[in-house]
Amino acid sequence: MKKSASIWDHLENYKVSIILAVVGIILIGLGLMLPRINFNNPKPAYIPVSENKSDGKELKVDVAGAVFKPAVYSLEENTRVADAISAAGGFTDKADKVWIAKNLNLAQPLSDGVKIYVPAVGEVGNISNKADEVLGEDSNKVNINTASTSELDTLPNIGPVRAEKIINNRPYSSLEDLKSKNVLGPSTFEKIKDLISVF
């Protein structure tokens, strides 16, 4: 009995060490088992990055006038007028800022084959004056680059809806742009072509 008591006394002296050793063994065991436990967490869904990107088609856009690098540019689908102007180096100091603010919709989506012409300061006025001098009656024509919805609505077969479409597809460098931009059909265009102008 005395010997047995001395063993317990001896163990009592190492009680703290023994407890720490047991806790350490338990923690090591848990650390080895945790990676094998399946918590049934669903894997994160894979969302393709290219889901909303363009399908690789290109648009040919002619940017001319008061820009630093006038040329025909190949741009991705879903680009806008602002992107084409940026590709051409932006507006020069000679660009007519007032005309741009009134007539050039920088947020307008582009379509293939479109021409964007940026006039220089005084260019639009000079062309209009010369046209009036030569043609006389052109001053009575409706300018599709500057006319309001109500002014466009006075043209044959052009109601409020078509008038808005004409405004939203500005600018126009020629009357033919109404057809190339799919704003008007051939029959409607033929009815109004002699009543409209671009300058």
C-alpha atoms as a PDB file:
ATOM      1  CA  MET A   1       0.000   0.000   0.000  1.00  0.00           C
ATOM      2  CA  LYS A   2       2.821   2.327   0.747  1.00  0.00           C
ATOM      3  CA  LYS A   3       4.383   1.615  -2.624  1.00  0.00           C
ATOM      4  CA  SER A   4       1.057   2.186  -4.408  1.00  0.00           C
ATOM      5  CA  ALA A   5       0.565   5.464  -2.599  1.00  0.00           C
ATOM      6  CA  SER A   6       4.009   6.631  -3.620  1.00  0.00           C
ATOM      7  CA  ILE A   7       3.142   5.996  -7.305  1.00  0.00           C
ATOM      8  CA  TRP A   8       0.037   8.149  -7.045  1.00  0.00           C
ATOM      9  CA  ASP A   9       2.025  10.815  -5.263  1.00  0.00           C
ATOM     10  CA  HIS A  10       4.567  10.665  -8.074  1.00  0.00           C
ATOM     11  CA  LEU A  11       1.824  10.974 -10.726  1.00  0.00           C
ATOM     12  CA  GLU A  12       0.287  13.880  -8.809  1.00  0.00           C
ATOM     13  CA  ASN A  13       3.481  15.828  -9.321  1.00  0.00           C
ATOM     14  CA  TYR A  14       3.149  15.422 -13.137  1.00  0.00           C
ATOM     15  CA  LYS A  15      -0.638  15.917 -13.324  1.00  0.00           C
ATOM     16  CA  VAL A  16      -0.434  19.154 -15.293  1.00  0.00           C
ATOM     17  CA  SER A  17       2.051  17.701 -17.780  1.00  0.00           C
ATOM     18  CA  ILE A  18      -0.088  14.606 -18.286  1.00  0.00           C
ATOM     19  CA  ILE A  19      -3.230  16.694 -18.901  1.00  0.00           C
ATOM     20  CA  LEU A  20      -1.395  18.861 -21.435  1.00  0.00           C
ATOM     21  CA  ALA A  21      -0.065  15.771 -23.190  1.00  0.00           C
ATOM     22  CA  VAL A  22      -3.563  14.226 -23.449  1.00  0.00           C
ATOM     23  CA  VAL A  23      -5.065  17.480 -24.768  1.00  0.00           C
ATOM     24  CA  GLY A  24      -2.236  17.717 -27.304  1.00  0.00           C
ATOM     25  CA  ILE A  25      -2.877  14.175 -28.551  1.00  0.00           C
ATOM     26  CA  ILE A  26      -6.620  14.927 -28.943  1.00  0.00           C
ATOM     27  CA  LEU A  27      -5.923  18.114 -30.906  1.00  0.00           C
ATOM     28  CA  ILE A  28      -3.463  16.331 -33.209  1.00  0.00           C
ATOM     29  CA  GLY A  29      -6.032  13.583 -33.826  1.00  0.00           C
ATOM     30  CA  LEU A  30      -8.717  16.138 -34.723  1.00  0.00           C
ATOM     31  CA  GLY A  31      -6.295  17.947 -37.024  1.00  0.00           C
ATOM     32  CA  LEU A  32      -5.685  14.729 -38.965  1.00  0.00           C
ATOM     33  CA  MET A  33      -9.381  13.873 -39.217  1.00  0.00           C
ATOM     34  CA  LEU A  34     -10.860  17.263 -40.183  1.00  0.00           C
ATOM     35  CA  PRO A  35      -9.655  17.247 -43.811  1.00  0.00           C
ATOM     36  CA  ARG A  36     -11.478  13.928 -44.327  1.00  0.00           C
ATOM     37  CA  ILE A  37     -14.822  15.186 -43.009  1.00  0.00           C
ATOM     38  CA  ASN A  38     -17.351  16.129 -45.711  1.00  0.00           C
ATOM     39  CA  PHE A  39     -19.420  19.084 -44.523  1.00  0.00           C
ATOM     40  CA  ASN A  40     -21.598  18.866 -47.649  1.00  0.00           C
ATOM     41  CA  ASN A  41     -20.874  22.475 -48.569  1.00  0.00           C
ATOM     42  CA  PRO A  42     -21.932  23.127 -52.161  1.00  0.00           C
ATOM     43  CA  LYS A  43     -19.161  24.141 -54.519  1.00  0.00           C
ATOM     44  CA  PRO A  44     -19.357  27.737 -55.744  1.00  0.00           C
ATOM     45  CA  ALA A  45     -21.186  28.040 -59.050  1.00  0.00           C
ATOM     46  CA  TYR A  46     -18.980  28.751 -62.055  1.00  0.00           C
ATOM     47  CA  ILE A  47     -20.030  31.864 -63.950  1.00  0.00           C
ATOM     48  CA  PRO A  48     -18.317  32.245 -67.311  1.00  0.00           C
ATOM     49  CA  VAL A  49     -16.522  35.576 -67.520  1.00  0.00           C
ATOM     50  CA  SER A  50     -17.345  35.948 -71.194  1.00  0.00           C
ATOM     51  CA  GLU A  51     -21.096  35.614 -70.650  1.00  0.00           C
ATOM     52  CA  ASN A  52     -21.824  39.279 -71.420  1.00  0.00           C
ATOM     53  CA  LYS A  53     -18.998  39.930 -73.852  1.00  0.00           C
ATOM     54  CA  SER A  54     -19.396  40.430 -77.572  1.00  0.00           C
ATOM     55  CA  ASP A  55     -19.206  37.409 -79.853  1.00  0.00           C
ATOM     56  CA  GLY A  56     -16.149  38.764 -81.638  1.00  0.00           C
ATOM     57  CA  LYS A  57     -17.910  40.486 -84.562  1.00  0.00           C
ATOM     58  CA  GLU A  58     -16.347  43.726 -85.766  1.00  0.00           C
ATOM     59  CA  LEU A  59     -17.828  46.958 -87.039  1.00  0.00           C
ATOM     60  CA  LYS A  60     -16.239  49.182 -89.651  1.00  0.00           C
ATOM     61  CA  VAL A  61     -16.710  52.840 -88.720  1.00  0.00           C
ATOM     62  CA  ASP A  62     -15.476  55.847 -90.696  1.00  0.00           C
ATOM     63  CA  VAL A  63     -14.467  58.721 -88.404  1.00  0.00           C
ATOM     64  CA  ALA A  64     -13.686  61.980 -90.215  1.00  0.00           C
ATOM     65  CA  GLY A  65     -13.516  65.728 -89.752  1.00  0.00           C
ATOM     66  CA  ALA A  66     -12.053  67.530 -86.742  1.00  0.00           C
ATOM     67  CA  VAL A  67     -10.461  64.515 -85.022  1.00  0.00           C
ATOM     68  CA  PHE A  68      -6.757  63.807 -84.570  1.00  0.00           C
ATOM     69  CA  LYS A  69      -6.636  60.557 -86.549  1.00  0.00           C
ATOM     70  CA  PRO A  70      -9.438  60.392 -89.136  1.00  0.00           C
ATOM     71  CA  ALA A  71      -9.674  56.898 -90.625  1.00  0.00           C
ATOM     72  CA  VAL A  72     -11.823  53.795 -90.962  1.00  0.00           C
ATOM     73  CA  TYR A  73     -11.692  51.836 -87.697  1.00  0.00           C
ATOM     74  CA  SER A  74     -12.525  48.244 -86.804  1.00  0.00           C
ATOM     75  CA  LEU A  75     -14.409  48.255 -83.502  1.00  0.00           C
ATOM     76  CA  GLU A  76     -16.145  45.580 -81.456  1.00  0.00           C
ATOM     77  CA  GLU A  77     -19.904  45.197 -81.451  1.00  0.00           C
ATOM     78  CA  ASN A  78     -21.822  47.143 -78.800  1.00  0.00           C
ATOM     79  CA  THR A  79     -19.389  50.064 -78.950  1.00  0.00           C
ATOM     80  CA  ARG A  80     -20.665  53.614 -79.054  1.00  0.00           C
ATOM     81  CA  VAL A  81     -19.924  56.902 -80.780  1.00  0.00           C
ATOM     82  CA  ALA A  82     -17.679  57.934 -77.866  1.00  0.00           C
ATOM     83  CA  ASP A  83     -15.536  54.817 -78.435  1.00  0.00           C
ATOM     84  CA  ALA A  84     -15.089  55.656 -82.122  1.00  0.00           C
ATOM     85  CA  ILE A  85     -14.116  59.244 -81.320  1.00  0.00           C
ATOM     86  CA  SER A  86     -11.634  57.959 -78.738  1.00  0.00           C
ATOM     87  CA  ALA A  87     -10.128  55.537 -81.281  1.00  0.00           C
ATOM     88  CA  ALA A  88      -9.629  58.501 -83.621  1.00  0.00           C
ATOM     89  CA  GLY A  89      -7.658  60.356 -80.947  1.00  0.00           C
ATOM     90  CA  GLY A  90     -10.469  62.610 -79.761  1.00  0.00           C
ATOM     91  CA  PHE A  91     -11.653  66.016 -80.954  1.00  0.00           C
ATOM     92  CA  THR A  92      -9.141  68.577 -82.155  1.00  0.00           C
ATOM     93  CA  ASP A  93      -9.161  72.190 -80.934  1.00  0.00           C
ATOM     94  CA  LYS A  94     -10.866  73.135 -84.203  1.00  0.00           C
ATOM     95  CA  ALA A  95     -13.890  70.906 -83.548  1.00  0.00           C
ATOM     96  CA  ASP A  96     -17.206  72.751 -83.275  1.00  0.00           C
ATOM     97  CA  LYS A  97     -18.008  72.044 -79.604  1.00  0.00           C
ATOM     98  CA  VAL A  98     -21.425  73.725 -79.805  1.00  0.00           C
ATOM     99  CA  TRP A  99     -22.461  71.572 -82.783  1.00  0.00           C
ATOM    100  CA  ILE A 100     -21.126  68.462 -81.027  1.00  0.00           C
ATOM    101  CA  ALA A 101     -23.094  69.219 -77.856  1.00  0.00           C
ATOM    102  CA  LYS A 102     -26.328  69.731 -79.825  1.00  0.00           C
ATOM    103  CA  ASN A 103     -26.071  67.048 -82.485  1.00  0.00           C
ATOM    104  CA  LEU A 104     -23.584  64.302 -81.634  1.00  0.00           C
ATOM    105  CA  ASN A 105     -24.966  61.627 -79.318  1.00  0.00           C
ATOM    106  CA  LEU A 106     -21.823  60.116 -77.768  1.00  0.00           C
ATOM    107  CA  ALA A 107     -23.854  57.352 -76.102  1.00  0.00           C
ATOM    108  CA  GLN A 108     -25.400  56.138 -79.376  1.00  0.00           C
ATOM    109  CA  PRO A 109     -24.598  52.487 -80.238  1.00  0.00           C
ATOM    110  CA  LEU A 110     -22.774  52.049 -83.538  1.00  0.00           C
ATOM    111  CA  SER A 111     -23.756  49.932 -86.510  1.00  0.00           C
ATOM    112  CA  ASP A 112     -21.531  48.575 -89.265  1.00  0.00           C
ATOM    113  CA  GLY A 113     -20.654  51.006 -92.053  1.00  0.00           C
ATOM    114  CA  VAL A 114     -21.528  54.198 -90.164  1.00  0.00           C
ATOM    115  CA  LYS A 115     -19.708  57.456 -90.886  1.00  0.00           C
ATOM    116  CA  ILE A 116     -19.137  59.960 -88.088  1.00  0.00           C
ATOM    117  CA  TYR A 117     -18.212  63.438 -89.294  1.00  0.00           C
ATOM    118  CA  VAL A 118     -17.123  66.111 -86.805  1.00  0.00           C
ATOM    119  CA  PRO A 119     -17.300  69.613 -88.304  1.00  0.00           C
ATOM    120  CA  ALA A 120     -14.783  72.321 -87.465  1.00  0.00           C
ATOM    121  CA  VAL A 121     -15.834  75.667 -86.015  1.00  0.00           C
ATOM    122  CA  GLY A 122     -17.604  77.717 -88.702  1.00  0.00           C
ATOM    123  CA  GLU A 123     -17.771  74.808 -91.146  1.00  0.00           C
ATOM    124  CA  VAL A 124     -21.466  74.075 -90.761  1.00  0.00           C
ATOM    125  CA  GLY A 125     -22.445  77.749 -91.059  1.00  0.00           C
ATOM    126  CA  ASN A 126     -20.271  78.302 -94.116  1.00  0.00           C
ATOM    127  CA  ILE A 127     -21.647  75.260 -95.903  1.00  0.00           C
ATOM    128  CA  SER A 128     -25.207  76.313 -95.093  1.00  0.00           C
ATOM    129  CA  ASN A 129     -24.640  79.846 -96.359  1.00  0.00           C
ATOM    130  CA  LYS A 130     -23.059  78.631 -99.597  1.00  0.00           C
ATOM    131  CA  ALA A 131     -25.857  76.150-100.153  1.00  0.00           C
ATOM    132  CA  ASP A 132     -28.456  78.859 -99.613  1.00  0.00           C
ATOM    133  CA  GLU A 133     -26.714  81.140-102.096  1.00  0.00           C
ATOM    134  CA  VAL A 134     -26.530  78.438-104.756  1.00  0.00           C
ATOM    135  CA  LEU A 135     -29.844  76.688-104.216  1.00  0.00           C
ATOM    136  CA  GLY A 136     -31.927  79.522-102.873  1.00  0.00           C
ATOM    137  CA  GLU A 137     -34.793  77.451-101.547  1.00  0.00           C
ATOM    138  CA  ASP A 138     -32.630  75.071 -99.472  1.00  0.00           C
ATOM    139  CA  SER A 139     -33.111  77.339 -96.465  1.00  0.00           C
ATOM    140  CA  ASN A 140     -36.706  76.107 -96.386  1.00  0.00           C
ATOM    141  CA  LYS A 141     -35.631  72.472 -96.147  1.00  0.00           C
ATOM    142  CA  VAL A 142     -35.720  70.626 -92.839  1.00  0.00           C
ATOM    143  CA  ASN A 143     -32.216  70.049 -91.498  1.00  0.00           C
ATOM    144  CA  ILE A 144     -32.213  66.475 -90.176  1.00  0.00           C
ATOM    145  CA  ASN A 145     -29.166  67.230 -88.012  1.00  0.00           C
ATOM    146  CA  THR A 146     -30.757  70.102 -86.092  1.00  0.00           C
ATOM    147  CA  ALA A 147     -34.548  69.867 -86.530  1.00  0.00           C
ATOM    148  CA  SER A 148     -36.793  69.268 -83.534  1.00  0.00           C
ATOM    149  CA  THR A 149     -39.318  66.446 -83.285  1.00  0.00           C
ATOM    150  CA  SER A 150     -42.154  68.792 -84.243  1.00  0.00           C
ATOM    151  CA  GLU A 151     -40.239  70.101 -87.286  1.00  0.00           C
ATOM    152  CA  LEU A 152     -39.501  66.579 -88.515  1.00  0.00           C
ATOM    153  CA  ASP A 153     -43.139  65.653 -87.926  1.00  0.00           C
ATOM    154  CA  THR A 154     -44.152  68.119 -90.666  1.00  0.00           C
ATOM    155  CA  LEU A 155     -42.517  65.887 -93.292  1.00  0.00           C
ATOM    156  CA  PRO A 156     -44.666  63.364 -95.232  1.00  0.00           C
ATOM    157  CA  ASN A 157     -44.950  59.944 -93.549  1.00  0.00           C
ATOM    158  CA  ILE A 158     -42.781  61.090 -90.604  1.00  0.00           C
ATOM    159  CA  GLY A 159     -44.690  60.837 -87.364  1.00  0.00           C
ATOM    160  CA  PRO A 160     -43.360  61.312 -83.805  1.00  0.00           C
ATOM    161  CA  VAL A 161     -41.832  57.815 -83.706  1.00  0.00           C
ATOM    162  CA  ARG A 162     -39.844  58.210 -86.929  1.00  0.00           C
ATOM    163  CA  ALA A 163     -38.878  61.740 -85.907  1.00  0.00           C
ATOM    164  CA  GLU A 164     -37.367  60.410 -82.674  1.00  0.00           C
ATOM    165  CA  LYS A 165     -35.533  57.718 -84.627  1.00  0.00           C
ATOM    166  CA  ILE A 166     -34.035  60.358 -86.924  1.00  0.00           C
ATOM    167  CA  ILE A 167     -32.863  62.379 -83.887  1.00  0.00           C
ATOM    168  CA  ASN A 168     -31.417  59.356 -82.102  1.00  0.00           C
ATOM    169  CA  ASN A 169     -29.285  58.376 -85.111  1.00  0.00           C
ATOM    170  CA  ARG A 170     -27.603  61.758 -85.614  1.00  0.00           C
ATOM    171  CA  PRO A 171     -25.260  62.991 -86.972  1.00  0.00           C
ATOM    172  CA  TYR A 172     -25.784  62.612 -90.726  1.00  0.00           C
ATOM    173  CA  SER A 173     -23.097  63.553 -93.213  1.00  0.00           C
ATOM    174  CA  SER A 174     -25.380  62.887 -96.202  1.00  0.00           C
ATOM    175  CA  LEU A 175     -29.049  62.210 -96.849  1.00  0.00           C
ATOM    176  CA  GLU A 176     -28.186  58.627 -97.773  1.00  0.00           C
ATOM    177  CA  ASP A 177     -27.246  58.040 -94.111  1.00  0.00           C
ATOM    178  CA  LEU A 178     -30.966  57.775 -93.392  1.00  0.00           C
ATOM    179  CA  LYS A 179     -30.974  54.545 -95.410  1.00  0.00           C
ATOM    180  CA  SER A 180     -27.523  53.227 -94.450  1.00  0.00           C
ATOM    181  CA  LYS A 181     -28.361  53.641 -90.753  1.00  0.00           C
ATOM    182  CA  ASN A 182     -31.716  51.905 -91.297  1.00  0.00           C
ATOM    183  CA  VAL A 183     -33.621  54.953 -90.065  1.00  0.00           C
ATOM    184  CA  LEU A 184     -36.002  55.077 -93.041  1.00  0.00           C
ATOM    185  CA  GLY A 185     -37.072  52.626 -95.696  1.00  0.00           C
ATOM    186  CA  PRO A 186     -36.509  53.386 -99.412  1.00  0.00           C
ATOM    187  CA  SER A 187     -40.120  54.435-100.090  1.00  0.00           C
ATOM    188  CA  THR A 188     -40.296  56.885 -97.185  1.00  0.00           C
ATOM    189  CA  PHE A 189     -36.857  58.260 -98.033  1.00  0.00           C
ATOM    190  CA  GLU A 190     -37.919  58.956-101.638  1.00  0.00           C
ATOM    191  CA  LYS A 191     -40.917  60.953-100.406  1.00  0.00           C
ATOM    192  CA  ILE A 192     -38.886  63.325 -98.223  1.00  0.00           C
ATOM    193  CA  LYS A 193     -35.410  63.471 -99.800  1.00  0.00           C
ATOM    194  CA  ASP A 194     -36.187  66.718-101.657  1.00  0.00           C
ATOM    195  CA  LEU A 195     -37.522  68.334 -98.479  1.00  0.00           C
ATOM    196  CA  ILE A 196     -34.562  67.715 -96.187  1.00  0.00           C
ATOM    197  CA  SER A 197     -30.900  68.669 -95.834  1.00  0.00           C
ATOM    198  CA  VAL A 198     -27.944  67.791 -93.616  1.00  0.00           C
ATOM    199  CA  PHE A 199     -26.509  71.332 -93.361  1.00  0.00           C
END
